[in-house]
Amino acid sequence: MSGEPSLIGILGGYGAVGAAAARALASEGEFRLRIGGRNPEAAARCAAALGGQAQAREVDARSDASLERFAQGCDVVLHCAGPAYELADRPRRAAAAAGADYVDVMDGCGPGPAPAGERTAVLSAGLSPGLSGLLPRLLTDGRHSPEGPRFTGCYVSLGAFTRTGAIDYLLSLDRGYGTPRAQWRDGRVVHGALRGAQERVVAGVPRPVTAYPYLTQELVSQARTLGLAEARWYNAFDGRHLLDALNRYRAGDDRAASLEAQAAGVVRASTLDALGRSPYHVLCGVLEFAGPDGVAVRRRALIRGEDGSAMTGVVGAVAAREVARGRVPRGVHRAAQLLPARGVLDALRRHLPGTVVTLDEGTLEDGLAADARVGGGHAGDAPSADALVGDAVPAGLVMEEGVL
């Protein structure tokens, strides 16, 4: 605009997600930052801690006029406020009205078309969706095979929900984000193809989990783009309390209660599951394909972090950085379709030293190569290659139905 460094406005900039994004962007040393939220004192404290070219700005995310004032002068608006599904597409419309590009760690949260005048928008730039969708791209990179590969992924976490996180989680269940028990096969969604499984072992997770197949729209999109012959996704639960609370919600048992009461129940349940244990977030993926010589090859990736909010913030920061640098074409995009996968992993490693990334590859006959590990933590934190597959699984199988 004026030759000054790009101005990135972070809505919800002093919250758990926004503050992590702000720290990551500030460390780049090339952007001006505007930290926004309803509490001007909290915004000012966050901006002061960042130093450099950070400013605070009071903004009410439920007010269209306030959002438009916040977005005025910004080159990019990064939306990290919540509950995102209650705010709907207000932040996105405000950014478009102000002539700013837009990044959302959620999915844009609006049922209608893109706002008039929108330039560049990157949606779903968080942990899941977002980082989860980068796994297939990471594993298919450099693959040479005439046949479509098979991919299976899994997400499991342990930790107490915040009130905002619980509300967004519950509201997301009603938005058609994916299809339970479905898998992608031969170019289409196959309904009812998979079933849930209990007592399954997942790499990076200290005890067996309960896993449910849930084919996300994000994975369907990646399967089409990457030419996957098969694709499966599992959401896994470490503990019974949260799973029971969500099952009651899905069954309608809790629908008579207010959303606040339902969210409070989710917070309580997640707290009980995590009691006395260290929180974690684990994403893992397996890709199997035929190598140039026809020998079956298996690639595996695991990402393990301690703080899901911080991981979400860093992914959002990478998206905002790429947009501000002019590396994202005009139009509406999903983060998993265009963010540099290895660049995101590098950012997680730099900004969140507790994050561990493990990549390995090998043939089914010879076993897998030694782990190629990227990230912080101790050597013992990196799971063995075999840990990515379920208990007592024959070497020729790759996460068969109900096996993680």
Foldseek 3Di string as FASTA:
>chain_A
DPPAFAEEEEACLLDLQNLLLLLLLLVVVRYAYEYEEQDQVSQQVSQVVSDDRYYYDYADLQDLVRLLVRLAPHQEYEYDDPPDLVSAQSNQQSNQVNLHAYEYCAASNHPDDRHPNHWEYAHNLFVVPNLLLQVVVVVCVPADAPAAKAKEKEKEWADFDDLRRLLSVLVVVPVCQWAWCWKAAQLDIDHNPFAKAWFWFAPLDPGTWTKTKTGGPSVSVVCVVRVHRIYIYIYIYQDDQLVVLVVCVVVVVCVVPDSSVSSVSNSVSSCVSCPPHQIKMKMKMKIWGQHPVRFIKIKMKMKMARDRSSLGSLSSSQVRVCVSVVNDGIDYYYNSVDRDSVVSVVSCQVSGQRMKMWIWMDTLVPDIDFIDIDGHDDPVSGGGPVSRWTPPDRSVDDQPRNID
